[in-house]
């Protein structure tokens, strides 16, 4: 072989190497682009999967809370049944003082404005303004009606006399002799 043949072989080999390098570079660039395209897709898939997992965890947490509430409610119901006491949210004051109700017989005590009324027995008609403590209207028979604070009342067992006095209606006022009846008037 001559020198020219060697040069030609070298140049052919060099061009082949250059082409192979270019092909490899193109393949790497293509692979890199494909990977870059796959990355957002993979990230989106991963985020979607994470979101699904979070939703599942939240759903499990909510179910667990609901079960705990049901269990707690069942325990409370069982306790109520065992004790025989209902879960009543009514004010405690009303439960503590069931004694003074309309129709109860009471004795007046500790009155300072009219001491002659102390010791009198009557029946409770009703309570005025119960939300702010209020006062009781006590019917005293022929003595009328007294408006008294609860502190000035003492509950007593009804007696025949107190029942009779409570039922009694005030008698109509008697006319004095000074005012003649219509028929007796002079025209």
C-alpha atoms as a PDB file:
ATOM      1  CA  UNK A   1       0.000   0.000   0.000  1.00  0.00           C
ATOM      2  CA  UNK A   2       1.068   3.345  -0.678  1.00  0.00           C
ATOM      3  CA  UNK A   3       1.034   6.450   1.380  1.00  0.00           C
ATOM      4  CA  UNK A   4      -2.098   7.607  -0.266  1.00  0.00           C
ATOM      5  CA  UNK A   5      -3.931   4.457   0.631  1.00  0.00           C
ATOM      6  CA  UNK A   6      -3.008   4.863   4.262  1.00  0.00           C
ATOM      7  CA  UNK A   7      -4.226   8.447   4.293  1.00  0.00           C
ATOM      8  CA  UNK A   8      -7.484   7.430   2.769  1.00  0.00           C
ATOM      9  CA  UNK A   9      -8.008   4.736   5.357  1.00  0.00           C
ATOM     10  CA  UNK A  10      -7.214   7.106   8.174  1.00  0.00           C
ATOM     11  CA  UNK A  11      -9.619   9.719   6.908  1.00  0.00           C
ATOM     12  CA  UNK A  12     -12.346   7.119   6.449  1.00  0.00           C
ATOM     13  CA  UNK A  13     -11.781   5.857   9.972  1.00  0.00           C
ATOM     14  CA  UNK A  14     -11.800   9.406  11.346  1.00  0.00           C
ATOM     15  CA  UNK A  15     -15.043  10.253   9.587  1.00  0.00           C
ATOM     16  CA  UNK A  16     -16.591   7.048  10.887  1.00  0.00           C
ATOM     17  CA  UNK A  17     -15.546   7.943  14.416  1.00  0.00           C
ATOM     18  CA  UNK A  18     -16.911  11.466  14.022  1.00  0.00           C
ATOM     19  CA  UNK A  19     -20.210  10.138  12.678  1.00  0.00           C
ATOM     20  CA  UNK A  20     -20.396   7.608  15.495  1.00  0.00           C
ATOM     21  CA  UNK A  21     -19.742  10.389  18.019  1.00  0.00           C
ATOM     22  CA  UNK A  22     -22.396  12.589  16.404  1.00  0.00           C
ATOM     23  CA  UNK A  23     -24.855   9.697  16.422  1.00  0.00           C
ATOM     24  CA  UNK A  24     -24.102   9.034  20.076  1.00  0.00           C
ATOM     25  CA  UNK A  25     -24.518  12.737  20.906  1.00  0.00           C
ATOM     26  CA  UNK A  26     -27.876  12.804  19.101  1.00  0.00           C
ATOM     27  CA  UNK A  27     -29.002   9.660  20.875  1.00  0.00           C
ATOM     28  CA  UNK A  28     -27.971  11.114  24.235  1.00  0.00           C
ATOM     29  CA  UNK A  29     -29.807  14.382  23.464  1.00  0.00           C
ATOM     30  CA  UNK A  30     -32.905  12.430  22.429  1.00  0.00           C
ATOM     31  CA  UNK A  31     -32.731  10.282  25.548  1.00  0.00           C
ATOM     32  CA  UNK A  32     -32.268  13.386  27.693  1.00  0.00           C
ATOM     33  CA  UNK A  33     -35.298  15.058  26.077  1.00  0.00           C
ATOM     34  CA  UNK A  34     -37.343  11.908  26.621  1.00  0.00           C
ATOM     35  CA  UNK A  35     -36.243  11.794  30.261  1.00  0.00           C
ATOM     36  CA  UNK A  36     -37.100  15.480  30.667  1.00  0.00           C
ATOM     37  CA  UNK A  37     -40.547  14.805  29.224  1.00  0.00           C
ATOM     38  CA  UNK A  38     -40.936  11.767  31.439  1.00  0.00           C
ATOM     39  CA  UNK A  39     -39.911  13.721  34.570  1.00  0.00           C
ATOM     40  CA  UNK A  40     -42.961  16.034  34.634  1.00  0.00           C
ATOM     41  CA  UNK A  41     -45.176  13.069  33.828  1.00  0.00           C
ATOM     42  CA  UNK A  42     -43.544  11.049  36.599  1.00  0.00           C
ATOM     43  CA  UNK A  43     -43.830  13.982  38.990  1.00  0.00           C
ATOM     44  CA  UNK A  44     -47.483  14.437  38.089  1.00  0.00           C
ATOM     45  CA  UNK A  45     -48.123  10.736  38.629  1.00  0.00           C
ATOM     46  CA  UNK A  46     -46.260  10.837  41.935  1.00  0.00           C
ATOM     47  CA  UNK A  47     -48.192  13.918  43.087  1.00  0.00           C
ATOM     48  CA  UNK A  48     -51.476  12.293  42.089  1.00  0.00           C
ATOM     49  CA  UNK A  49     -50.518   9.164  43.998  1.00  0.00           C
ATOM     50  CA  UNK A  50     -49.555  11.233  47.062  1.00  0.00           C
ATOM     51  CA  UNK A  51     -52.860  13.131  46.860  1.00  0.00           C
ATOM     52  CA  UNK A  52     -54.765   9.838  46.730  1.00  0.00           C
ATOM     53  CA  UNK A  53     -52.837   8.555  49.731  1.00  0.00           C
ATOM     54  CA  UNK A  54     -53.616  11.768  51.664  1.00  0.00           C
ATOM     55  CA  UNK A  55     -57.310  11.469  50.813  1.00  0.00           C
ATOM     56  CA  UNK A  56     -57.311   7.858  51.964  1.00  0.00           C
ATOM     57  CA  UNK A  57     -55.595   8.826  55.215  1.00  0.00           C
ATOM     58  CA  UNK A  58     -58.102  11.657  55.796  1.00  0.00           C
ATOM     59  CA  UNK A  59     -61.002   9.308  55.088  1.00  0.00           C
ATOM     60  CA  UNK A  60     -59.574   6.747  57.506  1.00  0.00           C
ATOM     61  CA  UNK A  61     -59.073   9.470  60.118  1.00  0.00           C
ATOM     62  CA  UNK A  62     -62.663  10.690  59.712  1.00  0.00           C
ATOM     63  CA  UNK A  63     -63.974   7.133  59.960  1.00  0.00           C
ATOM     64  CA  UNK A  64     -61.918   6.577  63.087  1.00  0.00           C
ATOM     65  CA  UNK A  65     -63.259   9.789  64.663  1.00  0.00           C
ATOM     66  CA  UNK A  66     -66.828   8.813  63.791  1.00  0.00           C
ATOM     67  CA  UNK A  67     -66.317   5.391  65.360  1.00  0.00           C
ATOM     68  CA  UNK A  68     -64.830   6.953  68.497  1.00  0.00           C
ATOM     69  CA  UNK A  69     -67.804   9.330  68.790  1.00  0.00           C
ATOM     70  CA  UNK A  70     -70.238   6.458  68.375  1.00  0.00           C
ATOM     71  CA  UNK A  71     -68.382   4.429  70.998  1.00  0.00           C
ATOM     72  CA  UNK A  72     -68.382   7.377  73.396  1.00  0.00           C
ATOM     73  CA  UNK A  73     -72.082   7.995  72.823  1.00  0.00           C
ATOM     74  CA  UNK A  74     -72.854   4.326  73.433  1.00  0.00           C
ATOM     75  CA  UNK A  75     -70.835   4.403  76.664  1.00  0.00           C
ATOM     76  CA  UNK A  76     -72.741   7.492  77.842  1.00  0.00           C
ATOM     77  CA  UNK A  77     -76.059   5.832  77.044  1.00  0.00           C
ATOM     78  CA  UNK A  78     -75.013   2.711  78.930  1.00  0.00           C
ATOM     79  CA  UNK A  79     -73.984   4.815  81.932  1.00  0.00           C
ATOM     80  CA  UNK A  80     -77.327   6.623  81.859  1.00  0.00           C
ATOM     81  CA  UNK A  81     -79.196   3.349  81.714  1.00  0.00           C
ATOM     82  CA  UNK A  82     -77.104   1.948  84.548  1.00  0.00           C
ATOM     83  CA  UNK A  83     -77.614   4.976  86.781  1.00  0.00           C
ATOM     84  CA  UNK A  84     -81.192   5.587  85.682  1.00  0.00           C
ATOM     85  CA  UNK A  85     -80.522   9.317  85.290  1.00  0.00           C
ATOM     86  CA  UNK A  86     -81.260  11.047  82.016  1.00  0.00           C
ATOM     87  CA  UNK A  87     -78.740  13.455  80.517  1.00  0.00           C
ATOM     88  CA  UNK A  88     -80.791  16.564  81.181  1.00  0.00           C
ATOM     89  CA  UNK A  89     -79.349  19.990  80.442  1.00  0.00           C
ATOM     90  CA  UNK A  90     -82.015  21.834  82.440  1.00  0.00           C
ATOM     91  CA  UNK A  91     -80.842  24.459  84.917  1.00  0.00           C
ATOM     92  CA  UNK A  92     -79.807  23.106  88.303  1.00  0.00           C
ATOM     93  CA  UNK A  93     -81.681  25.817  90.195  1.00  0.00           C
ATOM     94  CA  UNK A  94     -85.050  24.469  89.112  1.00  0.00           C
ATOM     95  CA  UNK A  95     -84.110  20.966  90.215  1.00  0.00           C
ATOM     96  CA  UNK A  96     -82.871  22.161  93.598  1.00  0.00           C
ATOM     97  CA  UNK A  97     -86.007  24.160  94.462  1.00  0.00           C
ATOM     98  CA  UNK A  98     -89.004  22.157  93.360  1.00  0.00           C
ATOM     99  CA  UNK A  99     -90.639  23.026  96.695  1.00  0.00           C
ATOM    100  CA  UNK A 100     -92.276  26.345  95.844  1.00  0.00           C
ATOM    101  CA  UNK A 101     -94.760  25.764  93.070  1.00  0.00           C
ATOM    102  CA  UNK A 102     -98.144  27.360  92.398  1.00  0.00           C
ATOM    103  CA  UNK A 103    -100.708  25.873  94.778  1.00  0.00           C
ATOM    104  CA  UNK A 104     -98.221  25.185  97.601  1.00  0.00           C
ATOM    105  CA  UNK A 105     -99.075  26.312 101.121  1.00  0.00           C
ATOM    106  CA  UNK A 106     -96.576  28.754 102.600  1.00  0.00           C
ATOM    107  CA  UNK A 107     -96.078  30.804 105.747  1.00  0.00           C
ATOM    108  CA  UNK A 108     -94.861  34.392 105.575  1.00  0.00           C
ATOM    109  CA  UNK A 109     -91.808  35.141 107.708  1.00  0.00           C
ATOM    110  CA  UNK A 110     -89.273  37.909 108.173  1.00  0.00           C
ATOM    111  CA  UNK A 111     -91.369  40.704 106.689  1.00  0.00           C
ATOM    112  CA  UNK A 112     -90.195  44.101 107.892  1.00  0.00           C
ATOM    113  CA  UNK A 113     -92.548  46.473 106.117  1.00  0.00           C
ATOM    114  CA  UNK A 114     -95.696  44.862 107.546  1.00  0.00           C
ATOM    115  CA  UNK A 115     -94.779  42.756 110.568  1.00  0.00           C
ATOM    116  CA  UNK A 116     -98.424  41.917 111.248  1.00  0.00           C
ATOM    117  CA  UNK A 117     -98.318  39.670 108.140  1.00  0.00           C
ATOM    118  CA  UNK A 118     -95.559  37.459 109.599  1.00  0.00           C
ATOM    119  CA  UNK A 119     -96.883  33.991 110.425  1.00  0.00           C
ATOM    120  CA  UNK A 120     -99.842  34.184 108.032  1.00  0.00           C
ATOM    121  CA  UNK A 121    -100.486  31.145 105.864  1.00  0.00           C
ATOM    122  CA  UNK A 122    -101.549  31.249 102.236  1.00  0.00           C
ATOM    123  CA  UNK A 123    -101.190  29.579  98.843  1.00  0.00           C
ATOM    124  CA  UNK A 124     -98.844  30.523  96.047  1.00  0.00           C
ATOM    125  CA  UNK A 125    -100.693  31.751  92.969  1.00  0.00           C
ATOM    126  CA  UNK A 126     -97.730  32.235  90.636  1.00  0.00           C
ATOM    127  CA  UNK A 127     -94.182  33.515  90.333  1.00  0.00           C
ATOM    128  CA  UNK A 128     -93.370  36.797  88.633  1.00  0.00           C
ATOM    129  CA  UNK A 129     -90.195  37.159  86.552  1.00  0.00           C
ATOM    130  CA  UNK A 130     -88.734  33.743  87.410  1.00  0.00           C
ATOM    131  CA  UNK A 131     -85.585  34.320  85.315  1.00  0.00           C
ATOM    132  CA  UNK A 132     -84.277  37.063  87.640  1.00  0.00           C
ATOM    133  CA  UNK A 133     -85.326  35.561  90.980  1.00  0.00           C
ATOM    134  CA  UNK A 134     -88.724  37.202  90.926  1.00  0.00           C
ATOM    135  CA  UNK A 135     -91.355  37.369  93.643  1.00  0.00           C
ATOM    136  CA  UNK A 136     -94.249  35.121  94.469  1.00  0.00           C
ATOM    137  CA  UNK A 137     -97.884  36.168  94.576  1.00  0.00           C
ATOM    138  CA  UNK A 138     -99.328  34.575  97.720  1.00  0.00           C
ATOM    139  CA  UNK A 139    -103.084  34.487  98.178  1.00  0.00           C
ATOM    140  CA  UNK A 140    -103.936  35.014 101.845  1.00  0.00           C
ATOM    141  CA  UNK A 141    -107.683  34.457 101.612  1.00  0.00           C
ATOM    142  CA  UNK A 142    -109.623  37.410 103.067  1.00  0.00           C
ATOM    143  CA  UNK A 143    -106.364  39.301 103.627  1.00  0.00           C
ATOM    144  CA  UNK A 144    -105.853  39.621  99.865  1.00  0.00           C
ATOM    145  CA  UNK A 145    -102.732  38.886  97.872  1.00  0.00           C
ATOM    146  CA  UNK A 146     -99.160  39.575  98.977  1.00  0.00           C
ATOM    147  CA  UNK A 147     -96.138  39.941  96.690  1.00  0.00           C
ATOM    148  CA  UNK A 148     -93.255  38.306  98.589  1.00  0.00           C
ATOM    149  CA  UNK A 149     -89.632  37.284  97.922  1.00  0.00           C
ATOM    150  CA  UNK A 150     -88.759  33.604  98.193  1.00  0.00           C
ATOM    151  CA  UNK A 151     -86.562  34.286 101.238  1.00  0.00           C
ATOM    152  CA  UNK A 152     -89.679  35.410 103.135  1.00  0.00           C
ATOM    153  CA  UNK A 153     -91.609  32.195 102.463  1.00  0.00           C
ATOM    154  CA  UNK A 154     -91.572  28.918 104.350  1.00  0.00           C
ATOM    155  CA  UNK A 155     -93.289  25.906 102.852  1.00  0.00           C
ATOM    156  CA  UNK A 156     -95.797  24.280 105.207  1.00  0.00           C
ATOM    157  CA  UNK A 157     -98.137  21.336 104.991  1.00  0.00           C
ATOM    158  CA  UNK A 158    -101.576  22.543 103.951  1.00  0.00           C
ATOM    159  CA  UNK A 159    -104.154  22.673 106.712  1.00  0.00           C
ATOM    160  CA  UNK A 160    -107.908  22.804 106.380  1.00  0.00           C
ATOM    161  CA  UNK A 161    -107.909  26.390 107.484  1.00  0.00           C
ATOM    162  CA  UNK A 162    -105.216  27.482 105.003  1.00  0.00           C
ATOM    163  CA  UNK A 163    -107.004  25.666 102.180  1.00  0.00           C
ATOM    164  CA  UNK A 164    -110.295  27.288 103.152  1.00  0.00           C
ATOM    165  CA  UNK A 165    -108.666  30.709 103.363  1.00  0.00           C
ATOM    166  CA  UNK A 166    -106.982  30.258 100.003  1.00  0.00           C
ATOM    167  CA  UNK A 167    -110.300  29.289  98.394  1.00  0.00           C
ATOM    168  CA  UNK A 168    -112.204  32.114 100.050  1.00  0.00           C
ATOM    169  CA  UNK A 169    -112.975  35.133  97.951  1.00  0.00           C
ATOM    170  CA  UNK A 170    -112.826  38.566  99.475  1.00  0.00           C
ATOM    171  CA  UNK A 171    -116.259  39.628 100.666  1.00  0.00           C
ATOM    172  CA  UNK A 172    -117.754  42.632  98.909  1.00  0.00           C
ATOM    173  CA  UNK A 173    -117.220  45.855 100.782  1.00  0.00           C
ATOM    174  CA  UNK A 174    -120.133  46.831 103.038  1.00  0.00           C
ATOM    175  CA  UNK A 175    -121.816  50.128 102.395  1.00  0.00           C
ATOM    176  CA  UNK A 176    -121.629  52.644 105.076  1.00  0.00           C
ATOM    177  CA  UNK A 177    -124.842  54.155 106.373  1.00  0.00           C
ATOM    178  CA  UNK A 178    -123.777  57.551 105.062  1.00  0.00           C
ATOM    179  CA  UNK A 179    -124.239  56.514 101.446  1.00  0.00           C
ATOM    180  CA  UNK A 180    -127.853  55.538 100.942  1.00  0.00           C
ATOM    181  CA  UNK A 181    -128.945  53.093  98.280  1.00  0.00           C
ATOM    182  CA  UNK A 182    -130.418  54.480  95.075  1.00  0.00           C
ATOM    183  CA  UNK A 183    -133.954  53.785  96.174  1.00  0.00           C
ATOM    184  CA  UNK A 184    -133.410  55.672  99.439  1.00  0.00           C
ATOM    185  CA  UNK A 185    -132.061  58.806  97.761  1.00  0.00           C
ATOM    186  CA  UNK A 186    -134.175  61.875  97.690  1.00  0.00           C
ATOM    187  CA  UNK A 187    -134.736  63.515  94.363  1.00  0.00           C
END
